[in-house]
N, C-alpha and C. Protein backbone atom coordinates (compact mmCIF):
# COMPACT_ATOMS: atom_id res chain seq x y z
N UNK A 1 -17.82 53.56 -167.08
CA UNK A 1 -16.60 54.34 -167.23
C UNK A 1 -15.77 53.73 -168.37
N UNK A 2 -15.30 54.58 -169.26
CA UNK A 2 -14.46 54.14 -170.37
C UNK A 2 -13.01 54.10 -169.92
N UNK A 3 -12.48 52.90 -169.75
CA UNK A 3 -11.11 52.74 -169.27
C UNK A 3 -10.09 52.73 -170.40
N UNK A 4 -10.56 52.76 -171.63
CA UNK A 4 -9.66 52.70 -172.78
C UNK A 4 -8.62 53.82 -172.74
N UNK A 5 -9.02 54.98 -172.25
CA UNK A 5 -8.10 56.12 -172.21
C UNK A 5 -6.92 55.89 -171.26
N UNK A 6 -7.05 54.94 -170.36
CA UNK A 6 -5.99 54.64 -169.39
C UNK A 6 -5.13 53.45 -169.79
N UNK A 7 -5.47 52.83 -170.92
CA UNK A 7 -4.79 51.60 -171.33
C UNK A 7 -3.29 51.79 -171.50
N UNK A 8 -2.87 52.84 -172.15
CA UNK A 8 -1.44 53.06 -172.38
C UNK A 8 -0.69 53.25 -171.06
N UNK A 9 -1.31 53.97 -170.12
CA UNK A 9 -0.68 54.16 -168.81
C UNK A 9 -0.60 52.82 -168.07
N UNK A 10 -1.64 52.01 -168.18
CA UNK A 10 -1.64 50.69 -167.55
C UNK A 10 -0.52 49.84 -168.12
N UNK A 11 -0.39 49.83 -169.44
CA UNK A 11 0.64 49.01 -170.09
C UNK A 11 2.03 49.46 -169.66
N UNK A 12 2.26 50.75 -169.63
CA UNK A 12 3.57 51.27 -169.21
C UNK A 12 3.87 50.88 -167.77
N UNK A 13 2.88 51.03 -166.89
CA UNK A 13 3.09 50.67 -165.48
C UNK A 13 3.29 49.16 -165.33
N UNK A 14 2.51 48.38 -166.06
CA UNK A 14 2.63 46.92 -165.98
C UNK A 14 4.02 46.48 -166.43
N UNK A 15 4.52 47.08 -167.48
CA UNK A 15 5.87 46.71 -167.95
C UNK A 15 6.93 47.11 -166.93
N UNK A 16 6.72 48.22 -166.25
CA UNK A 16 7.65 48.61 -165.19
C UNK A 16 7.62 47.59 -164.05
N UNK A 17 6.43 47.16 -163.68
CA UNK A 17 6.29 46.17 -162.61
C UNK A 17 6.92 44.84 -163.03
N UNK A 18 6.77 44.46 -164.29
CA UNK A 18 7.38 43.23 -164.78
C UNK A 18 8.90 43.31 -164.74
N UNK A 19 9.44 44.48 -165.03
CA UNK A 19 10.90 44.66 -164.95
C UNK A 19 11.36 44.53 -163.50
N UNK A 20 10.60 45.11 -162.57
CA UNK A 20 10.95 45.00 -161.15
C UNK A 20 10.83 43.55 -160.68
N UNK A 21 9.80 42.86 -161.14
CA UNK A 21 9.62 41.46 -160.81
C UNK A 21 10.79 40.63 -161.33
N UNK A 22 11.19 40.88 -162.55
CA UNK A 22 12.32 40.17 -163.15
C UNK A 22 13.60 40.40 -162.35
N UNK A 23 13.86 41.63 -161.98
CA UNK A 23 15.06 41.96 -161.20
C UNK A 23 15.04 41.25 -159.85
N UNK A 24 13.91 41.28 -159.18
CA UNK A 24 13.79 40.61 -157.88
C UNK A 24 13.99 39.11 -158.01
N UNK A 25 13.43 38.52 -159.06
CA UNK A 25 13.61 37.08 -159.27
C UNK A 25 15.07 36.73 -159.56
N UNK A 26 15.74 37.57 -160.33
CA UNK A 26 17.16 37.34 -160.61
C UNK A 26 17.97 37.33 -159.32
N UNK A 27 17.65 38.25 -158.43
CA UNK A 27 18.34 38.30 -157.14
C UNK A 27 18.08 37.03 -156.35
N UNK A 28 16.83 36.60 -156.32
CA UNK A 28 16.48 35.38 -155.56
C UNK A 28 17.15 34.14 -156.12
N UNK A 29 17.40 34.12 -157.41
CA UNK A 29 18.08 32.96 -158.00
C UNK A 29 19.51 32.83 -157.47
N UNK A 30 20.09 33.93 -157.03
CA UNK A 30 21.45 33.87 -156.49
C UNK A 30 21.48 33.93 -154.97
N UNK A 31 20.45 34.53 -154.37
CA UNK A 31 20.39 34.67 -152.91
C UNK A 31 18.96 34.38 -152.43
N UNK A 32 18.67 33.11 -152.22
CA UNK A 32 17.31 32.69 -151.84
C UNK A 32 16.78 33.39 -150.59
N UNK A 33 17.66 33.72 -149.68
CA UNK A 33 17.21 34.29 -148.40
C UNK A 33 17.10 35.81 -148.43
N UNK A 34 17.17 36.43 -149.61
CA UNK A 34 17.10 37.89 -149.71
C UNK A 34 15.65 38.35 -149.51
N UNK A 35 15.38 38.80 -148.29
CA UNK A 35 14.02 39.21 -147.94
C UNK A 35 13.53 40.41 -148.72
N UNK A 36 14.41 41.34 -149.04
CA UNK A 36 14.02 42.52 -149.81
C UNK A 36 13.60 42.11 -151.23
N UNK A 37 14.31 41.17 -151.82
CA UNK A 37 13.96 40.69 -153.16
C UNK A 37 12.62 39.95 -153.12
N UNK A 38 12.41 39.16 -152.09
CA UNK A 38 11.14 38.44 -151.96
C UNK A 38 9.99 39.43 -151.79
N UNK A 39 10.22 40.47 -151.01
CA UNK A 39 9.20 41.51 -150.85
C UNK A 39 8.98 42.22 -152.19
N UNK A 40 10.03 42.40 -152.97
CA UNK A 40 9.88 43.00 -154.30
C UNK A 40 8.99 42.16 -155.21
N UNK A 41 9.13 40.85 -155.12
CA UNK A 41 8.27 39.95 -155.90
C UNK A 41 6.82 40.11 -155.45
N UNK A 42 6.60 40.11 -154.14
CA UNK A 42 5.24 40.27 -153.63
C UNK A 42 4.64 41.59 -154.06
N UNK A 43 5.40 42.67 -153.93
CA UNK A 43 4.91 44.00 -154.27
C UNK A 43 4.55 44.11 -155.75
N UNK A 44 5.38 43.52 -156.63
CA UNK A 44 5.08 43.56 -158.06
C UNK A 44 3.78 42.82 -158.36
N UNK A 45 3.62 41.62 -157.80
CA UNK A 45 2.37 40.88 -158.01
C UNK A 45 1.19 41.66 -157.45
N UNK A 46 1.37 42.28 -156.29
CA UNK A 46 0.29 43.06 -155.65
C UNK A 46 -0.12 44.23 -156.54
N UNK A 47 0.86 44.97 -157.03
CA UNK A 47 0.55 46.13 -157.86
C UNK A 47 -0.12 45.71 -159.16
N UNK A 48 0.38 44.65 -159.77
CA UNK A 48 -0.25 44.15 -161.00
C UNK A 48 -1.67 43.66 -160.73
N UNK A 49 -1.88 43.05 -159.59
CA UNK A 49 -3.23 42.60 -159.22
C UNK A 49 -4.18 43.80 -159.16
N UNK A 50 -3.75 44.84 -158.48
CA UNK A 50 -4.61 46.01 -158.29
C UNK A 50 -4.88 46.77 -159.58
N UNK A 51 -3.83 47.04 -160.35
CA UNK A 51 -4.05 47.81 -161.57
C UNK A 51 -4.83 47.00 -162.61
N UNK A 52 -4.59 45.69 -162.65
CA UNK A 52 -5.37 44.84 -163.57
C UNK A 52 -6.83 44.83 -163.18
N UNK A 53 -7.09 44.76 -161.90
CA UNK A 53 -8.48 44.80 -161.42
C UNK A 53 -9.16 46.11 -161.76
N UNK A 54 -8.43 47.20 -161.56
CA UNK A 54 -8.98 48.52 -161.87
C UNK A 54 -9.33 48.63 -163.35
N UNK A 55 -8.50 48.04 -164.18
CA UNK A 55 -8.72 48.08 -165.63
C UNK A 55 -9.70 47.01 -166.10
N UNK A 56 -10.24 46.26 -165.17
CA UNK A 56 -11.24 45.22 -165.43
C UNK A 56 -10.69 44.02 -166.20
N UNK A 57 -9.42 43.72 -165.97
CA UNK A 57 -8.83 42.49 -166.48
C UNK A 57 -8.88 41.47 -165.33
N UNK A 58 -10.06 40.93 -165.12
CA UNK A 58 -10.33 40.10 -163.93
C UNK A 58 -9.43 38.87 -163.86
N UNK A 59 -9.25 38.16 -164.95
CA UNK A 59 -8.43 36.94 -164.93
C UNK A 59 -6.98 37.27 -164.60
N UNK A 60 -6.47 38.35 -165.15
CA UNK A 60 -5.11 38.77 -164.88
C UNK A 60 -4.95 39.17 -163.42
N UNK A 61 -5.93 39.89 -162.91
CA UNK A 61 -5.91 40.30 -161.51
C UNK A 61 -5.94 39.09 -160.57
N UNK A 62 -6.78 38.11 -160.89
CA UNK A 62 -6.87 36.91 -160.06
C UNK A 62 -5.56 36.12 -160.10
N UNK A 63 -4.96 36.01 -161.26
CA UNK A 63 -3.70 35.30 -161.41
C UNK A 63 -2.62 35.95 -160.53
N UNK A 64 -2.52 37.27 -160.61
CA UNK A 64 -1.52 37.99 -159.81
C UNK A 64 -1.83 37.88 -158.32
N UNK A 65 -3.10 37.88 -157.97
CA UNK A 65 -3.49 37.72 -156.56
C UNK A 65 -3.08 36.37 -156.00
N UNK A 66 -3.20 35.33 -156.81
CA UNK A 66 -2.78 34.00 -156.37
C UNK A 66 -1.27 33.96 -156.14
N UNK A 67 -0.52 34.56 -157.06
CA UNK A 67 0.94 34.59 -156.89
C UNK A 67 1.32 35.43 -155.67
N UNK A 68 0.64 36.55 -155.48
CA UNK A 68 0.93 37.39 -154.31
C UNK A 68 0.70 36.61 -153.01
N UNK A 69 -0.37 35.84 -152.95
CA UNK A 69 -0.67 35.04 -151.76
C UNK A 69 0.43 34.03 -151.49
N UNK A 70 0.94 33.39 -152.54
CA UNK A 70 2.05 32.44 -152.36
C UNK A 70 3.26 33.11 -151.72
N UNK A 71 3.61 34.27 -152.25
CA UNK A 71 4.78 34.98 -151.73
C UNK A 71 4.53 35.47 -150.32
N UNK A 72 3.35 36.00 -150.07
CA UNK A 72 3.02 36.53 -148.74
C UNK A 72 3.07 35.42 -147.69
N UNK A 73 2.64 34.23 -148.05
CA UNK A 73 2.71 33.09 -147.14
C UNK A 73 4.16 32.82 -146.75
N UNK A 74 5.05 32.86 -147.72
CA UNK A 74 6.48 32.67 -147.42
C UNK A 74 7.01 33.79 -146.53
N UNK A 75 6.66 35.02 -146.85
CA UNK A 75 7.12 36.15 -146.05
C UNK A 75 6.61 36.05 -144.61
N UNK A 76 5.34 35.72 -144.46
CA UNK A 76 4.74 35.63 -143.12
C UNK A 76 5.36 34.53 -142.28
N UNK A 77 5.78 33.45 -142.94
CA UNK A 77 6.38 32.32 -142.22
C UNK A 77 7.90 32.47 -142.08
N UNK A 78 8.41 33.57 -142.61
CA UNK A 78 9.86 33.83 -142.60
C UNK A 78 10.63 32.74 -143.36
N UNK A 79 9.94 32.14 -144.34
CA UNK A 79 10.55 31.08 -145.14
C UNK A 79 11.33 31.64 -146.32
N UNK A 80 12.01 30.75 -146.99
CA UNK A 80 12.71 31.11 -148.22
C UNK A 80 12.09 30.34 -149.37
N UNK A 81 12.12 30.93 -150.55
CA UNK A 81 11.52 30.23 -151.69
C UNK A 81 12.30 28.99 -152.08
N UNK A 82 11.58 28.00 -152.54
CA UNK A 82 12.20 26.78 -153.04
C UNK A 82 12.54 26.96 -154.52
N UNK A 83 13.36 26.09 -155.06
CA UNK A 83 13.59 26.14 -156.51
C UNK A 83 12.29 26.02 -157.30
N UNK A 84 11.34 25.25 -156.77
CA UNK A 84 10.05 25.11 -157.43
C UNK A 84 9.28 26.43 -157.43
N UNK A 85 9.36 27.19 -156.32
CA UNK A 85 8.73 28.51 -156.28
C UNK A 85 9.32 29.40 -157.37
N UNK A 86 10.65 29.42 -157.45
CA UNK A 86 11.30 30.28 -158.43
C UNK A 86 10.92 29.89 -159.86
N UNK A 87 10.87 28.60 -160.13
CA UNK A 87 10.46 28.14 -161.46
C UNK A 87 9.04 28.59 -161.77
N UNK A 88 8.15 28.45 -160.79
CA UNK A 88 6.76 28.87 -160.99
C UNK A 88 6.65 30.37 -161.21
N UNK A 89 7.41 31.15 -160.44
CA UNK A 89 7.35 32.60 -160.58
C UNK A 89 7.99 33.05 -161.88
N UNK A 90 9.05 32.37 -162.31
CA UNK A 90 9.63 32.67 -163.63
C UNK A 90 8.60 32.41 -164.73
N UNK A 91 7.88 31.31 -164.61
CA UNK A 91 6.82 31.00 -165.59
C UNK A 91 5.70 32.04 -165.52
N UNK A 92 5.39 32.49 -164.31
CA UNK A 92 4.38 33.52 -164.15
C UNK A 92 4.81 34.82 -164.82
N UNK A 93 6.07 35.17 -164.67
CA UNK A 93 6.60 36.37 -165.32
C UNK A 93 6.44 36.26 -166.83
N UNK A 94 6.81 35.12 -167.40
CA UNK A 94 6.68 34.92 -168.85
C UNK A 94 5.21 35.02 -169.28
N UNK A 95 4.33 34.42 -168.50
CA UNK A 95 2.89 34.48 -168.80
C UNK A 95 2.40 35.92 -168.76
N UNK A 96 2.79 36.66 -167.74
CA UNK A 96 2.35 38.04 -167.61
C UNK A 96 2.88 38.92 -168.74
N UNK A 97 4.10 38.67 -169.14
CA UNK A 97 4.68 39.44 -170.26
C UNK A 97 3.85 39.22 -171.53
N UNK A 98 3.45 37.98 -171.77
CA UNK A 98 2.62 37.67 -172.94
C UNK A 98 1.25 38.33 -172.84
N UNK A 99 0.67 38.31 -171.64
CA UNK A 99 -0.64 38.92 -171.44
C UNK A 99 -0.59 40.43 -171.67
N UNK A 100 0.43 41.08 -171.15
CA UNK A 100 0.55 42.53 -171.32
C UNK A 100 0.83 42.86 -172.78
N UNK A 101 1.64 42.06 -173.44
CA UNK A 101 1.88 42.27 -174.87
C UNK A 101 0.59 42.12 -175.67
N UNK A 102 -0.24 41.16 -175.29
CA UNK A 102 -1.52 40.97 -175.98
C UNK A 102 -2.44 42.16 -175.77
N UNK A 103 -2.47 42.69 -174.56
CA UNK A 103 -3.29 43.87 -174.28
C UNK A 103 -2.76 45.06 -175.09
N UNK A 104 -1.45 45.21 -175.15
CA UNK A 104 -0.83 46.32 -175.89
C UNK A 104 -1.14 46.22 -177.38
N UNK A 105 -1.21 45.00 -177.87
CA UNK A 105 -1.48 44.80 -179.30
C UNK A 105 -2.94 44.88 -179.66
N UNK A 106 -3.79 44.81 -178.65
CA UNK A 106 -5.22 44.70 -178.89
C UNK A 106 -5.94 45.98 -178.90
């Protein structure tokens, strides 16, 4: 199957998910116990994992899956993210933005 025809739609959706991820992270930086924002982070990583996998970007999908698992573990334990979690997720956001930009340019 030629997935190239779906690349632009993938990029647009990925950028939307990154914007949602950024917004959720900004909320968590001010309100660590905001469960809706934490769920927003999980959902963005989950969606990026799935669409990346569909588009056969295996490394990107695996990266997002690992981040999703981290967040889901916190949600399942009813925990709150640590400053280290937020720093890691902020770095993940920056990494994902670079990856999507590279795909868009390629």
